[in-house]
Protein backbone atom coordinates (compact mmCIF):
# COMPACT_ATOMS: atom_id res chain seq x y z
CA UNK A 1 -7.14 35.68 -4.69
CA UNK A 2 -7.95 34.69 -1.10
CA UNK A 3 -11.10 32.85 -2.16
CA UNK A 4 -9.13 30.88 -4.75
CA UNK A 5 -6.56 29.86 -2.16
CA UNK A 6 -9.37 28.83 0.16
CA UNK A 7 -10.89 26.56 -2.50
CA UNK A 8 -7.52 24.95 -3.10
CA UNK A 9 -7.17 24.38 0.63
CA UNK A 10 -10.57 22.69 0.84
CA UNK A 11 -9.72 20.45 -2.09
CA UNK A 12 -6.42 19.48 -0.48
CA UNK A 13 -8.12 18.78 2.84
CA UNK A 14 -10.71 16.62 1.09
CA UNK A 15 -7.95 14.72 -0.71
CA UNK A 16 -6.09 14.12 2.56
CA UNK A 17 -9.27 12.82 4.19
CA UNK A 18 -9.99 10.52 1.23
CA UNK A 19 -6.46 9.11 1.29
CA UNK A 20 -6.86 8.33 4.98
CA UNK A 21 -10.16 6.57 4.27
CA UNK A 22 -8.52 4.51 1.52
CA UNK A 23 -5.57 3.69 3.81
CA UNK A 24 -7.97 2.40 6.46
CA UNK A 25 -9.84 0.32 3.84
CA UNK A 26 -13.04 2.31 4.20
CA UNK A 27 -13.61 1.73 0.49
CA UNK A 28 -13.13 -1.83 -0.73
CA UNK A 29 -12.19 -2.59 -4.36
CA UNK A 30 -15.13 -2.00 -6.69
CA UNK A 31 -17.16 -0.11 -4.09
CA UNK A 32 -19.09 2.94 -5.29
CA UNK A 33 -18.21 6.20 -3.57
CA UNK A 34 -21.11 8.48 -2.62
CA UNK A 35 -19.80 12.00 -3.25
CA UNK A 36 -22.76 13.74 -1.63
CA UNK A 37 -22.46 11.70 1.57
CA UNK A 38 -18.72 12.36 1.71
CA UNK A 39 -19.27 16.09 1.23
CA UNK A 40 -21.71 16.12 4.16
CA UNK A 41 -19.34 14.08 6.32
CA UNK A 42 -16.42 16.41 5.55
CA UNK A 43 -18.68 19.47 5.86
CA UNK A 44 -17.73 20.87 2.46
CA UNK A 45 -19.52 21.29 -0.86
CA UNK A 46 -19.35 18.56 -3.49
CA UNK A 47 -16.86 20.55 -5.60
CA UNK A 48 -13.68 19.99 -3.52
CA UNK A 49 -14.60 16.32 -3.09
CA UNK A 50 -15.00 15.88 -6.85
CA UNK A 51 -11.71 17.71 -7.45
CA UNK A 52 -9.93 15.46 -4.96
CA UNK A 53 -11.40 12.33 -6.53
CA UNK A 54 -10.25 13.51 -9.96
CA UNK A 55 -6.67 13.62 -8.67
CA UNK A 56 -7.05 10.13 -7.20
CA UNK A 57 -8.40 8.97 -10.57
CA UNK A 58 -5.19 10.18 -12.26
CA UNK A 59 -3.25 7.98 -9.84
CA UNK A 60 -5.39 4.97 -10.73
CA UNK A 61 -7.01 4.65 -7.30
CA UNK A 62 -10.58 5.37 -8.40
CA UNK A 63 -12.41 5.20 -11.70
CA UNK A 64 -15.20 7.42 -13.02
CA UNK A 65 -17.98 5.90 -15.09
CA UNK A 66 -20.18 8.53 -16.81
CA UNK A 67 -23.80 8.58 -15.59
CA UNK A 68 -22.93 6.06 -12.87
CA UNK A 69 -20.37 7.62 -10.56
CA UNK A 70 -16.98 6.95 -9.02
CA UNK A 71 -15.77 3.76 -7.42
CA UNK A 72 -12.57 2.21 -6.13
CA UNK A 73 -10.65 0.37 -8.82
CA UNK A 74 -10.30 -3.39 -8.69
CA UNK A 75 -6.76 -4.64 -9.19
CA UNK A 76 -6.53 -8.10 -10.72
CA UNK A 77 -4.03 -10.67 -9.44
CA UNK A 78 -2.08 -10.34 -12.68
CA UNK A 79 -1.87 -6.56 -12.28
CA UNK A 80 -0.77 -6.96 -8.67
CA UNK A 81 1.95 -9.43 -9.67
CA UNK A 82 3.30 -6.95 -12.22
CA UNK A 83 3.21 -4.18 -9.61
CA UNK A 84 5.28 -6.13 -7.08
CA UNK A 85 7.85 -7.14 -9.71
CA UNK A 86 8.53 -3.49 -10.50
CA UNK A 87 8.25 -2.40 -6.88
CA UNK A 88 10.83 -5.02 -5.86
CA UNK A 89 13.44 -3.58 -8.23
CA UNK A 90 12.82 0.01 -7.16
CA UNK A 91 12.64 -0.79 -3.44
CA UNK A 92 15.91 -2.67 -3.77
CA UNK A 93 17.46 0.52 -5.14
CA UNK A 94 15.83 2.59 -2.38
CA UNK A 95 17.21 0.24 0.29
CA UNK A 96 20.71 0.51 -1.16
CA UNK A 97 20.57 4.32 -1.32
CA UNK A 98 19.04 4.61 2.15
CA UNK A 99 22.10 2.90 3.67
CA UNK A 100 24.18 5.89 2.57
CA UNK A 101 21.75 8.51 3.87
CA UNK A 102 20.01 7.05 6.90
CA UNK A 103 20.50 8.67 10.31
CA UNK A 104 20.58 7.10 13.76
CA UNK A 105 17.37 8.98 14.55
CA UNK A 106 15.62 7.39 11.58
CA UNK A 107 16.83 3.94 12.66
CA UNK A 108 15.15 4.57 16.03
CA UNK A 109 11.92 5.32 14.17
CA UNK A 110 12.27 2.01 12.31
CA UNK A 111 12.79 0.23 15.64
CA UNK A 112 9.62 1.79 17.04
CA UNK A 113 7.66 0.51 14.04
CA UNK A 114 9.18 -2.96 14.48
CA UNK A 115 8.07 -3.04 18.13
CA UNK A 116 4.53 -2.23 17.03
CA UNK A 117 4.63 -4.78 14.22
CA UNK A 118 5.76 -7.55 16.56
CA UNK A 119 2.51 -7.25 18.52
CA UNK A 120 0.48 -6.95 15.30
CA UNK A 121 1.99 -10.16 13.90
CA UNK A 122 1.26 -11.98 17.15
CA UNK A 123 -2.40 -11.01 16.89
CA UNK A 124 -2.44 -11.73 13.10
CA UNK A 125 -4.17 -8.43 12.43
CA UNK A 126 -3.66 -8.08 8.66
CA UNK A 127 -5.34 -4.67 8.40
CA UNK A 128 -3.16 -3.14 11.13
CA UNK A 129 -0.09 -4.76 9.63
CA UNK A 130 -0.92 -3.18 6.27
CA UNK A 131 -1.01 0.28 7.87
CA UNK A 132 2.26 -0.31 9.68
CA UNK A 133 3.84 -1.74 6.55
CA UNK A 134 2.88 1.39 4.64
CA UNK A 135 4.57 3.51 7.32
CA UNK A 136 7.69 1.33 7.28
CA UNK A 137 8.15 1.48 3.52
CA UNK A 138 7.38 5.21 3.37
CA UNK A 139 10.25 5.77 5.81
CA UNK A 140 12.60 3.91 3.46
CA UNK A 141 11.43 6.07 0.55
CA UNK A 142 12.01 9.23 2.59
CA UNK A 143 15.50 8.01 3.49
CA UNK A 144 16.72 7.13 -0.01
CA UNK A 145 17.66 10.72 -0.87
CA UNK A 146 16.38 10.50 -4.47
CA UNK A 147 13.27 12.59 -5.11
CA UNK A 148 12.27 10.82 -8.32
CA UNK A 149 12.67 7.33 -6.87
CA UNK A 150 10.63 8.39 -3.85
CA UNK A 151 7.87 9.77 -6.07
CA UNK A 152 7.75 6.62 -8.21
CA UNK A 153 7.62 4.34 -5.16
CA UNK A 154 4.92 6.37 -3.43
CA UNK A 155 2.80 6.15 -6.55
CA UNK A 156 3.34 2.38 -6.82
CA UNK A 157 2.60 1.90 -3.13
CA UNK A 158 -0.60 3.94 -3.42
CA UNK A 159 -1.64 1.90 -6.46
CA UNK A 160 -1.46 -1.25 -4.31
CA UNK A 161 -4.20 0.05 -1.99
CA UNK A 162 -7.14 -1.38 -4.00
CA UNK A 163 -5.51 -4.82 -3.92
CA UNK A 164 -6.57 -7.28 -1.23
CA UNK A 165 -4.70 -10.53 -0.66
CA UNK A 166 -4.70 -12.71 2.45
CA UNK A 167 -1.09 -12.59 3.70
CA UNK A 168 -1.82 -13.91 7.19
CA UNK A 169 0.42 -16.95 6.74
CA UNK A 170 3.29 -14.79 5.47
CA UNK A 171 3.17 -12.16 8.25
CA UNK A 172 6.04 -13.65 10.31
CA UNK A 173 8.32 -13.79 7.25
CA UNK A 174 7.40 -10.27 6.15
CA UNK A 175 8.13 -9.02 9.67
CA UNK A 176 11.50 -10.81 9.69
CA UNK A 177 12.36 -9.08 6.41
CA UNK A 178 11.68 -5.74 8.06
CA UNK A 179 13.94 -6.67 10.96
CA UNK A 180 16.72 -7.77 8.61
CA UNK A 181 16.64 -4.61 6.51
CA UNK A 182 16.86 -2.44 9.63
CA UNK A 183 19.86 -4.53 10.69
CA UNK A 184 21.39 -3.88 7.25
CA UNK A 185 20.85 -0.15 7.79
CA UNK A 186 22.61 -0.35 11.17
CA UNK A 187 25.54 -2.24 9.59
CA UNK A 188 25.68 0.11 6.59
CA UNK A 189 25.42 -2.96 4.34
CA UNK A 190 24.01 -1.71 1.03
CA UNK A 191 24.13 -5.12 -0.70
CA UNK A 192 22.13 -6.74 2.09
CA UNK A 193 19.57 -3.92 2.18
CA UNK A 194 18.96 -4.20 -1.57
CA UNK A 195 18.69 -8.00 -1.54
CA UNK A 196 16.33 -8.06 1.43
CA UNK A 197 13.97 -5.55 -0.15
CA UNK A 198 13.87 -7.58 -3.35
CA UNK A 199 13.23 -10.79 -1.41
CA UNK A 200 10.53 -9.02 0.57
CA UNK A 201 8.62 -8.19 -2.60
CA UNK A 202 9.14 -11.69 -4.01
CA UNK A 203 7.28 -13.04 -0.97
CA UNK A 204 4.26 -10.98 -2.01
CA UNK A 205 4.61 -12.24 -5.59
CA UNK A 206 4.54 -15.78 -4.23
CA UNK A 207 1.36 -15.07 -2.25
CA UNK A 208 -0.24 -13.67 -5.40
CA UNK A 209 0.84 -16.71 -7.45
CA UNK A 210 -0.79 -18.99 -4.89
CA UNK A 211 -3.97 -16.95 -5.10
CA UNK A 212 -3.82 -17.20 -8.90
CA UNK A 213 -3.54 -20.98 -8.66
CA UNK A 214 -6.59 -21.14 -6.40
CA UNK A 215 -8.50 -18.86 -8.75
CA UNK A 216 -7.57 -21.03 -11.75
CA UNK A 217 -8.65 -24.18 -9.91
CA UNK A 218 -12.11 -22.68 -9.43
CA UNK A 219 -14.56 -23.31 -6.57
CA UNK A 220 -14.43 -26.61 -4.76
CA UNK A 221 -17.29 -28.98 -5.67
CA UNK A 222 -18.41 -30.12 -2.21
CA UNK A 223 -20.67 -32.82 -3.65
CA UNK A 224 -17.80 -34.45 -5.55
CA UNK A 225 -15.49 -34.01 -2.57
CA UNK A 226 -17.97 -35.79 -0.30
CA UNK A 227 -18.57 -38.57 -2.84
CA UNK A 228 -14.87 -39.29 -3.06
CA UNK A 229 -14.45 -39.91 0.65
C-alpha cells in the first residue's frame, strides 16, 4: 500500500512540475517533449512522467502520436476565438458570483497583483503579464463560490496555454479591465463585474480576429511593395 501511494505521489509531483513548465512557456506549441530528459531532470523514472503527461493529454494540453512521441498541442486562431467566446460568458458569471462572496482580504490580494501588473505593463513584458493574468483570473475563480464553474474555468484557462498571440498593444486596456473589476468587487456591483469580465474577453477576441485577418492576407510581397513606391 505504501509503495502505491509513493508512486501516486511521484506522478502528482511530476504533473505539478510539468504544469509549471507549461505556465512558464518552456514548451511552445507543437514542440516535442523528451520524456527521458524530463525524467532525468525531475530525478524520477519515466513512468510517473508518462502518467502525468497522459493526464495533461486528457485536458487537451499535449497530444500523443504513436511511434513519434508527445508534443504540445497547437491551438488555431479559430479554436482560440471559440475558447474566448465561451470563457467570456463563464467569467462574466464568475465575476457576478464573486461579488457576493469576496472578502476584504481577497481584495487586498487583487490589489497586490494589480501593483505588480502596473510595472509589467510599463515594461511591456507579455510573458510576465501572462503569468500574472493567470494568477488574477484564478483568484476570481476561487472567489466565485461555485465548484463546477471554477472547475470549468480552470480547464478552459489551462487549454489557452498552448495559444500564443501578441497582445502587447492591448496590455494597457487589459490592465485597466483588471482595475475596473476590482473596483466593482469593492463596490459590490455585480452587474459591473459581469460586464467588465465579458468585455475583457472580447478584447482578446478582437486581438485574435486581427491576427486572423493578417493570416488571411498572407505574407507581404516585399518586391511588389518596393515596386509600388
